[in-house]
């Protein structure tokens, strides 16, 4: 019944345009930064671990994680300097 009242009898939405966007909060930005850091560490750490596993060079896993953090920080700086 609510759906019929909201969309009319034919089921067509009567909104004038797209829904207004909610303002971004600082918590959203913090979670984006945190997620980018973890994803960079996991991705490049995983690549380092795979190469380490195949070659036997034991330093590649920590170097991959460190490289992932550096790449993530650079990406975060670029992303947030534009906005």
PDB file of N, CA and C in Angstrom:
ATOM      1  N   UNK A   1       0.810  -1.176   0.000  1.00  0.00           N
ATOM      2  CA  UNK A   1       0.000   0.000   0.000  1.00  0.00           C
ATOM      3  C   UNK A   1       0.866   1.258   0.000  1.00  0.00           C
ATOM      4  N   UNK A   2       1.946   1.238   0.775  1.00  0.00           N
ATOM      5  CA  UNK A   2       2.854   2.374   0.769  1.00  0.00           C
ATOM      6  C   UNK A   2       3.521   2.550  -0.592  1.00  0.00           C
ATOM      7  N   UNK A   3       3.823   1.441  -1.217  1.00  0.00           N
ATOM      8  CA  UNK A   3       4.473   1.512  -2.524  1.00  0.00           C
ATOM      9  C   UNK A   3       3.563   2.190  -3.533  1.00  0.00           C
ATOM     10  N   UNK A   4       2.297   1.863  -3.508  1.00  0.00           N
ATOM     11  CA  UNK A   4       1.349   2.461  -4.433  1.00  0.00           C
ATOM     12  C   UNK A   4       1.222   3.956  -4.173  1.00  0.00           C
ATOM     13  N   UNK A   5       1.246   4.346  -2.934  1.00  0.00           N
ATOM     14  CA  UNK A   5       1.140   5.768  -2.603  1.00  0.00           C
ATOM     15  C   UNK A   5       2.409   6.510  -2.994  1.00  0.00           C
ATOM     16  N   UNK A   6       3.546   5.861  -2.857  1.00  0.00           N
ATOM     17  CA  UNK A   6       4.817   6.499  -3.150  1.00  0.00           C
ATOM     18  C   UNK A   6       5.059   6.604  -4.654  1.00  0.00           C
ATOM     19  N   UNK A   7       4.658   5.617  -5.420  1.00  0.00           N
ATOM     20  CA  UNK A   7       4.950   5.567  -6.850  1.00  0.00           C
ATOM     21  C   UNK A   7       3.750   5.860  -7.733  1.00  0.00           C
ATOM     22  N   UNK A   8       2.610   6.067  -7.167  1.00  0.00           N
ATOM     23  CA  UNK A   8       1.435   6.325  -7.987  1.00  0.00           C
ATOM     24  C   UNK A   8       0.791   5.019  -8.430  1.00  0.00           C
ATOM     25  N   UNK A   9      -0.296   5.129  -9.115  1.00  0.00           N
ATOM     26  CA  UNK A   9      -1.049   3.943  -9.525  1.00  0.00           C
ATOM     27  C   UNK A   9      -0.319   3.126 -10.565  1.00  0.00           C
ATOM     28  N   UNK A  10       0.431   3.775 -11.450  1.00  0.00           N
ATOM     29  CA  UNK A  10       1.107   3.046 -12.524  1.00  0.00           C
ATOM     30  C   UNK A  10       2.449   2.484 -12.090  1.00  0.00           C
ATOM     31  N   UNK A  11       2.921   2.803 -10.884  1.00  0.00           N
ATOM     32  CA  UNK A  11       4.192   2.288 -10.415  1.00  0.00           C
ATOM     33  C   UNK A  11       5.372   3.106 -10.894  1.00  0.00           C
ATOM     34  N   UNK A  12       5.123   4.298 -11.418  1.00  0.00           N
ATOM     35  CA  UNK A  12       6.183   5.165 -11.926  1.00  0.00           C
ATOM     36  C   UNK A  12       6.567   6.147 -10.833  1.00  0.00           C
ATOM     37  N   UNK A  13       7.841   6.305 -10.619  1.00  0.00           N
ATOM     38  CA  UNK A  13       8.316   7.227  -9.597  1.00  0.00           C
ATOM     39  C   UNK A  13       8.030   8.661 -10.012  1.00  0.00           C
ATOM     40  N   UNK A  14       7.648   9.490  -9.056  1.00  0.00           N
ATOM     41  CA  UNK A  14       7.315  10.874  -9.351  1.00  0.00           C
ATOM     42  C   UNK A  14       8.388  11.840  -8.869  1.00  0.00           C
ATOM     43  N   UNK A  15       9.584  11.368  -8.635  1.00  0.00           N
ATOM     44  CA  UNK A  15      10.629  12.268  -8.148  1.00  0.00           C
ATOM     45  C   UNK A  15      11.106  13.169  -9.280  1.00  0.00           C
ATOM     46  N   UNK A  16      11.508  14.385  -8.917  1.00  0.00           N
ATOM     47  CA  UNK A  16      11.905  15.380  -9.912  1.00  0.00           C
ATOM     48  C   UNK A  16      13.307  15.133 -10.450  1.00  0.00           C
ATOM     49  N   UNK A  17      14.145  14.461  -9.714  1.00  0.00           N
ATOM     50  CA  UNK A  17      15.513  14.226 -10.169  1.00  0.00           C
ATOM     51  C   UNK A  17      16.191  13.212  -9.267  1.00  0.00           C
ATOM     52  N   UNK A  18      17.494  13.126  -9.386  1.00  0.00           N
ATOM     53  CA  UNK A  18      18.211  12.158  -8.558  1.00  0.00           C
ATOM     54  C   UNK A  18      18.166  12.578  -7.091  1.00  0.00           C
ATOM     55  N   UNK A  19      18.301  11.595  -6.227  1.00  0.00           N
ATOM     56  CA  UNK A  19      18.274  11.858  -4.792  1.00  0.00           C
ATOM     57  C   UNK A  19      19.472  12.722  -4.409  1.00  0.00           C
ATOM     58  N   UNK A  20      19.288  13.653  -3.487  1.00  0.00           N
ATOM     59  CA  UNK A  20      20.415  14.498  -3.083  1.00  0.00           C
ATOM     60  C   UNK A  20      21.492  13.672  -2.393  1.00  0.00           C
ATOM     61  N   UNK A  21      22.736  14.016  -2.659  1.00  0.00           N
ATOM     62  CA  UNK A  21      23.848  13.281  -2.060  1.00  0.00           C
ATOM     63  C   UNK A  21      24.038  13.721  -0.614  1.00  0.00           C
ATOM     64  N   UNK A  22      24.368  12.750   0.230  1.00  0.00           N
ATOM     65  CA  UNK A  22      24.649  13.074   1.615  1.00  0.00           C
ATOM     66  C   UNK A  22      26.079  13.597   1.709  1.00  0.00           C
ATOM     67  N   UNK A  23      26.333  14.551   2.579  1.00  0.00           N
ATOM     68  CA  UNK A  23      27.700  15.066   2.713  1.00  0.00           C
ATOM     69  C   UNK A  23      28.628  13.985   3.262  1.00  0.00           C
ATOM     70  N   UNK A  24      29.874  13.995   2.785  1.00  0.00           N
ATOM     71  CA  UNK A  24      30.863  13.032   3.264  1.00  0.00           C
ATOM     72  C   UNK A  24      31.315  13.425   4.655  1.00  0.00           C
ATOM     73  N   UNK A  25      31.486  12.450   5.493  1.00  0.00           N
ATOM     74  CA  UNK A  25      31.952  12.728   6.843  1.00  0.00           C
ATOM     75  C   UNK A  25      33.429  12.374   6.955  1.00  0.00           C
ATOM     76  N   UNK A  26      34.039  12.860   8.016  1.00  0.00           N
ATOM     77  CA  UNK A  26      35.442  12.546   8.255  1.00  0.00           C
ATOM     78  C   UNK A  26      35.641  11.070   8.537  1.00  0.00           C
ATOM     79  N   UNK A  27      34.630  10.418   9.107  1.00  0.00           N
ATOM     80  CA  UNK A  27      34.734   8.985   9.365  1.00  0.00           C
ATOM     81  C   UNK A  27      34.812   8.207   8.053  1.00  0.00           C
ATOM     82  N   UNK A  28      34.054   8.645   7.044  1.00  0.00           N
ATOM     83  CA  UNK A  28      34.132   7.983   5.737  1.00  0.00           C
ATOM     84  C   UNK A  28      35.531   8.100   5.151  1.00  0.00           C
ATOM     85  N   UNK A  29      36.116   9.286   5.253  1.00  0.00           N
ATOM     86  CA  UNK A  29      37.472   9.478   4.742  1.00  0.00           C
ATOM     87  C   UNK A  29      38.468   8.619   5.508  1.00  0.00           C
ATOM     88  N   UNK A  30      38.300   8.530   6.814  1.00  0.00           N
ATOM     89  CA  UNK A  30      39.193   7.708   7.628  1.00  0.00           C
ATOM     90  C   UNK A  30      39.124   6.240   7.258  1.00  0.00           C
ATOM     91  N   UNK A  31      37.912   5.741   7.024  1.00  0.00           N
ATOM     92  CA  UNK A  31      37.768   4.341   6.632  1.00  0.00           C
ATOM     93  C   UNK A  31      38.338   4.091   5.237  1.00  0.00           C
ATOM     94  N   UNK A  32      38.206   5.071   4.349  1.00  0.00           N
ATOM     95  CA  UNK A  32      38.808   4.929   3.013  1.00  0.00           C
ATOM     96  C   UNK A  32      40.332   4.839   3.114  1.00  0.00           C
ATOM     97  N   UNK A  33      40.917   5.690   3.943  1.00  0.00           N
ATOM     98  CA  UNK A  33      42.372   5.675   4.128  1.00  0.00           C
ATOM     99  C   UNK A  33      42.806   4.348   4.734  1.00  0.00           C
ATOM    100  N   UNK A  34      42.102   3.911   5.776  1.00  0.00           N
ATOM    101  CA  UNK A  34      42.429   2.648   6.429  1.00  0.00           C
ATOM    102  C   UNK A  34      42.324   1.476   5.453  1.00  0.00           C
ATOM    103  N   UNK A  35      41.255   1.457   4.680  1.00  0.00           N
ATOM    104  CA  UNK A  35      41.069   0.378   3.707  1.00  0.00           C
ATOM    105  C   UNK A  35      42.133   0.377   2.632  1.00  0.00           C
ATOM    106  N   UNK A  36      42.535   1.558   2.182  1.00  0.00           N
ATOM    107  CA  UNK A  36      43.591   1.647   1.173  1.00  0.00           C
ATOM    108  C   UNK A  36      44.918   1.134   1.714  1.00  0.00           C
ATOM    109  N   UNK A  37      45.215   1.489   2.961  1.00  0.00           N
ATOM    110  CA  UNK A  37      46.472   1.031   3.569  1.00  0.00           C
ATOM    111  C   UNK A  37      46.498  -0.493   3.708  1.00  0.00           C
ATOM    112  N   UNK A  38      45.402  -1.064   4.202  1.00  0.00           N
ATOM    113  CA  UNK A  38      45.334  -2.516   4.374  1.00  0.00           C
ATOM    114  C   UNK A  38      45.372  -3.225   3.025  1.00  0.00           C
ATOM    115  N   UNK A  39      44.648  -2.687   2.041  1.00  0.00           N
ATOM    116  CA  UNK A  39      44.628  -3.315   0.717  1.00  0.00           C
ATOM    117  C   UNK A  39      46.000  -3.276   0.065  1.00  0.00           C
ATOM    118  N   UNK A  40      46.715  -2.151   0.202  1.00  0.00           N
ATOM    119  CA  UNK A  40      48.059  -2.052  -0.363  1.00  0.00           C
ATOM    120  C   UNK A  40      49.013  -3.041   0.283  1.00  0.00           C
ATOM    121  N   UNK A  41      48.945  -3.125   1.622  1.00  0.00           N
ATOM    122  CA  UNK A  41      49.807  -4.085   2.325  1.00  0.00           C
ATOM    123  C   UNK A  41      49.484  -5.515   1.919  1.00  0.00           C
ATOM    124  N   UNK A  42      48.196  -5.833   1.817  1.00  0.00           N
ATOM    125  CA  UNK A  42      47.789  -7.197   1.476  1.00  0.00           C
ATOM    126  C   UNK A  42      48.173  -7.552   0.046  1.00  0.00           C
ATOM    127  N   UNK A  43      47.931  -6.624  -0.886  1.00  0.00           N
ATOM    128  CA  UNK A  43      48.220  -6.908  -2.290  1.00  0.00           C
ATOM    129  C   UNK A  43      49.711  -7.087  -2.530  1.00  0.00           C
ATOM    130  N   UNK A  44      50.484  -6.072  -2.168  1.00  0.00           N
ATOM    131  CA  UNK A  44      51.917  -6.146  -2.450  1.00  0.00           C
ATOM    132  C   UNK A  44      52.640  -7.101  -1.507  1.00  0.00           C
ATOM    133  N   UNK A  45      52.138  -7.255  -0.293  1.00  0.00           N
ATOM    134  CA  UNK A  45      52.688  -8.272   0.593  1.00  0.00           C
ATOM    135  C   UNK A  45      52.438  -9.671   0.051  1.00  0.00           C
ATOM    136  N   UNK A  46      51.232  -9.878  -0.507  1.00  0.00           N
ATOM    137  CA  UNK A  46      50.926 -11.173  -1.107  1.00  0.00           C
ATOM    138  C   UNK A  46      51.772 -11.467  -2.329  1.00  0.00           C
ATOM    139  N   UNK A  47      51.990 -10.444  -3.145  1.00  0.00           N
ATOM    140  CA  UNK A  47      52.870 -10.622  -4.312  1.00  0.00           C
ATOM    141  C   UNK A  47      54.286 -10.933  -3.848  1.00  0.00           C
ATOM    142  N   UNK A  48      54.744 -10.201  -2.832  1.00  0.00           N
ATOM    143  CA  UNK A  48      56.084 -10.468  -2.286  1.00  0.00           C
ATOM    144  C   UNK A  48      56.192 -11.864  -1.708  1.00  0.00           C
ATOM    145  N   UNK A  49      55.123 -12.315  -1.032  1.00  0.00           N
ATOM    146  CA  UNK A  49      55.135 -13.656  -0.459  1.00  0.00           C
ATOM    147  C   UNK A  49      55.193 -14.718  -1.558  1.00  0.00           C
ATOM    148  N   UNK A  50      54.428 -14.511  -2.639  1.00  0.00           N
ATOM    149  CA  UNK A  50      54.458 -15.484  -3.735  1.00  0.00           C
ATOM    150  C   UNK A  50      55.838 -15.565  -4.377  1.00  0.00           C
ATOM    151  N   UNK A  51      56.429 -14.416  -4.660  1.00  0.00           N
ATOM    152  CA  UNK A  51      57.775 -14.416  -5.260  1.00  0.00           C
ATOM    153  C   UNK A  51      58.781 -15.001  -4.282  1.00  0.00           C
ATOM    154  N   UNK A  52      58.626 -14.684  -2.995  1.00  0.00           N
ATOM    155  CA  UNK A  52      59.488 -15.237  -1.956  1.00  0.00           C
ATOM    156  C   UNK A  52      59.353 -16.755  -1.905  1.00  0.00           C
ATOM    157  N   UNK A  53      58.119 -17.229  -2.015  1.00  0.00           N
ATOM    158  CA  UNK A  53      57.871 -18.673  -1.966  1.00  0.00           C
ATOM    159  C   UNK A  53      58.506 -19.389  -3.163  1.00  0.00           C
ATOM    160  N   UNK A  54      58.454 -18.772  -4.337  1.00  0.00           N
ATOM    161  CA  UNK A  54      59.003 -19.395  -5.537  1.00  0.00           C
ATOM    162  C   UNK A  54      60.519 -19.295  -5.608  1.00  0.00           C
ATOM    163  N   UNK A  55      61.084 -18.178  -5.141  1.00  0.00           N
ATOM    164  CA  UNK A  55      62.521 -17.980  -5.287  1.00  0.00           C
ATOM    165  C   UNK A  55      63.318 -18.329  -4.040  1.00  0.00           C
ATOM    166  N   UNK A  56      62.692 -18.319  -2.873  1.00  0.00           N
ATOM    167  CA  UNK A  56      63.393 -18.606  -1.632  1.00  0.00           C
ATOM    168  C   UNK A  56      64.103 -17.397  -1.038  1.00  0.00           C
ATOM    169  N   UNK A  57      63.862 -16.215  -1.585  1.00  0.00           N
ATOM    170  CA  UNK A  57      64.458 -14.993  -1.052  1.00  0.00           C
ATOM    171  C   UNK A  57      63.516 -14.488   0.040  1.00  0.00           C
ATOM    172  N   UNK A  58      63.931 -14.584   1.298  1.00  0.00           N
ATOM    173  CA  UNK A  58      63.006 -14.359   2.403  1.00  0.00           C
ATOM    174  C   UNK A  58      62.715 -12.895   2.701  1.00  0.00           C
ATOM    175  N   UNK A  59      63.369 -11.962   2.080  1.00  0.00           N
ATOM    176  CA  UNK A  59      63.160 -10.551   2.372  1.00  0.00           C
ATOM    177  C   UNK A  59      62.038  -9.940   1.533  1.00  0.00           C
ATOM    178  N   UNK A  60      61.545 -10.630   0.516  1.00  0.00           N
ATOM    179  CA  UNK A  60      60.579 -10.046  -0.404  1.00  0.00           C
ATOM    180  C   UNK A  60      59.198  -9.819   0.215  1.00  0.00           C
ATOM    181  N   UNK A  61      58.797 -10.651   1.165  1.00  0.00           N
ATOM    182  CA  UNK A  61      57.491 -10.452   1.804  1.00  0.00           C
ATOM    183  C   UNK A  61      57.446  -9.139   2.592  1.00  0.00           C
ATOM    184  N   UNK A  62      58.397  -8.875   3.502  1.00  0.00           N
ATOM    185  CA  UNK A  62      58.343  -7.585   4.203  1.00  0.00           C
ATOM    186  C   UNK A  62      58.578  -6.395   3.280  1.00  0.00           C
ATOM    187  N   UNK A  63      59.413  -6.555   2.266  1.00  0.00           N
ATOM    188  CA  UNK A  63      59.611  -5.470   1.309  1.00  0.00           C
ATOM    189  C   UNK A  63      58.338  -5.196   0.513  1.00  0.00           C
ATOM    190  N   UNK A  64      57.610  -6.235   0.167  1.00  0.00           N
ATOM    191  CA  UNK A  64      56.342  -6.071  -0.535  1.00  0.00           C
ATOM    192  C   UNK A  64      55.318  -5.338   0.316  1.00  0.00           C
ATOM    193  N   UNK A  65      55.264  -5.666   1.605  1.00  0.00           N
ATOM    194  CA  UNK A  65      54.340  -4.970   2.498  1.00  0.00           C
ATOM    195  C   UNK A  65      54.726  -3.503   2.643  1.00  0.00           C
ATOM    196  N   UNK A  66      56.005  -3.229   2.785  1.00  0.00           N
ATOM    197  CA  UNK A  66      56.478  -1.852   2.897  1.00  0.00           C
ATOM    198  C   UNK A  66      56.190  -1.080   1.608  1.00  0.00           C
ATOM    199  N   UNK A  67      56.439  -1.698   0.473  1.00  0.00           N
ATOM    200  CA  UNK A  67      56.144  -1.071  -0.809  1.00  0.00           C
ATOM    201  C   UNK A  67      54.646  -0.798  -0.945  1.00  0.00           C
ATOM    202  N   UNK A  68      53.811  -1.723  -0.469  1.00  0.00           N
ATOM    203  CA  UNK A  68      52.367  -1.529  -0.512  1.00  0.00           C
ATOM    204  C   UNK A  68      51.919  -0.340   0.319  1.00  0.00           C
ATOM    205  N   UNK A  69      52.531  -0.141   1.476  1.00  0.00           N
ATOM    206  CA  UNK A  69      52.195   1.014   2.309  1.00  0.00           C
ATOM    207  C   UNK A  69      52.599   2.303   1.607  1.00  0.00           C
ATOM    208  N   UNK A  70      53.796   2.317   1.018  1.00  0.00           N
ATOM    209  CA  UNK A  70      54.275   3.516   0.325  1.00  0.00           C
ATOM    210  C   UNK A  70      53.355   3.857  -0.848  1.00  0.00           C
ATOM    211  N   UNK A  71      53.001   2.872  -1.642  1.00  0.00           N
ATOM    212  CA  UNK A  71      52.114   3.108  -2.785  1.00  0.00           C
ATOM    213  C   UNK A  71      50.743   3.595  -2.295  1.00  0.00           C
ATOM    214  N   UNK A  72      50.247   3.025  -1.209  1.00  0.00           N
ATOM    215  CA  UNK A  72      48.955   3.452  -0.665  1.00  0.00           C
ATOM    216  C   UNK A  72      48.996   4.893  -0.175  1.00  0.00           C
ATOM    217  N   UNK A  73      50.062   5.266   0.516  1.00  0.00           N
ATOM    218  CA  UNK A  73      50.180   6.640   1.018  1.00  0.00           C
ATOM    219  C   UNK A  73      50.233   7.624  -0.148  1.00  0.00           C
ATOM    220  N   UNK A  74      50.981   7.287  -1.185  1.00  0.00           N
ATOM    221  CA  UNK A  74      51.046   8.159  -2.362  1.00  0.00           C
ATOM    222  C   UNK A  74      49.669   8.275  -3.007  1.00  0.00           C
ATOM    223  N   UNK A  75      48.962   7.172  -3.133  1.00  0.00           N
ATOM    224  CA  UNK A  75      47.612   7.201  -3.687  1.00  0.00           C
ATOM    225  C   UNK A  75      46.647   8.020  -2.848  1.00  0.00           C
ATOM    226  N   UNK A  76      46.774   7.915  -1.521  1.00  0.00           N
ATOM    227  CA  UNK A  76      45.911   8.681  -0.622  1.00  0.00           C
ATOM    228  C   UNK A  76      46.204  10.176  -0.769  1.00  0.00           C
ATOM    229  N   UNK A  77      47.477  10.540  -0.833  1.00  0.00           N
ATOM    230  CA  UNK A  77      47.836  11.939  -0.981  1.00  0.00           C
ATOM    231  C   UNK A  77      47.291  12.489  -2.288  1.00  0.00           C
ATOM    232  N   UNK A  78      47.427  11.750  -3.365  1.00  0.00           N
ATOM    233  CA  UNK A  78      46.912  12.198  -4.660  1.00  0.00           C
ATOM    234  C   UNK A  78      45.395  12.323  -4.621  1.00  0.00           C
ATOM    235  N   UNK A  79      44.707  11.347  -4.060  1.00  0.00           N
ATOM    236  CA  UNK A  79      43.248  11.353  -4.036  1.00  0.00           C
ATOM    237  C   UNK A  79      42.705  12.515  -3.199  1.00  0.00           C
ATOM    238  N   UNK A  80      43.268  12.748  -2.035  1.00  0.00           N
ATOM    239  CA  UNK A  80      42.723  13.754  -1.146  1.00  0.00           C
ATOM    240  C   UNK A  80      43.248  15.151  -1.430  1.00  0.00           C
ATOM    241  N   UNK A  81      44.290  15.279  -2.222  1.00  0.00           N
ATOM    242  CA  UNK A  81      44.757  16.619  -2.582  1.00  0.00           C
ATOM    243  C   UNK A  81      43.877  17.223  -3.682  1.00  0.00           C
ATOM    244  N   UNK A  82      43.152  16.404  -4.413  1.00  0.00           N
ATOM    245  CA  UNK A  82      42.251  16.887  -5.469  1.00  0.00           C
ATOM    246  C   UNK A  82      40.962  17.438  -4.898  1.00  0.00           C
ATOM    247  N   UNK A  83      40.520  16.927  -3.762  1.00  0.00           N
ATOM    248  CA  UNK A  83      39.212  17.349  -3.232  1.00  0.00           C
ATOM    249  C   UNK A  83      39.307  18.457  -2.229  1.00  0.00           C
TER     250      UNK A  83
END
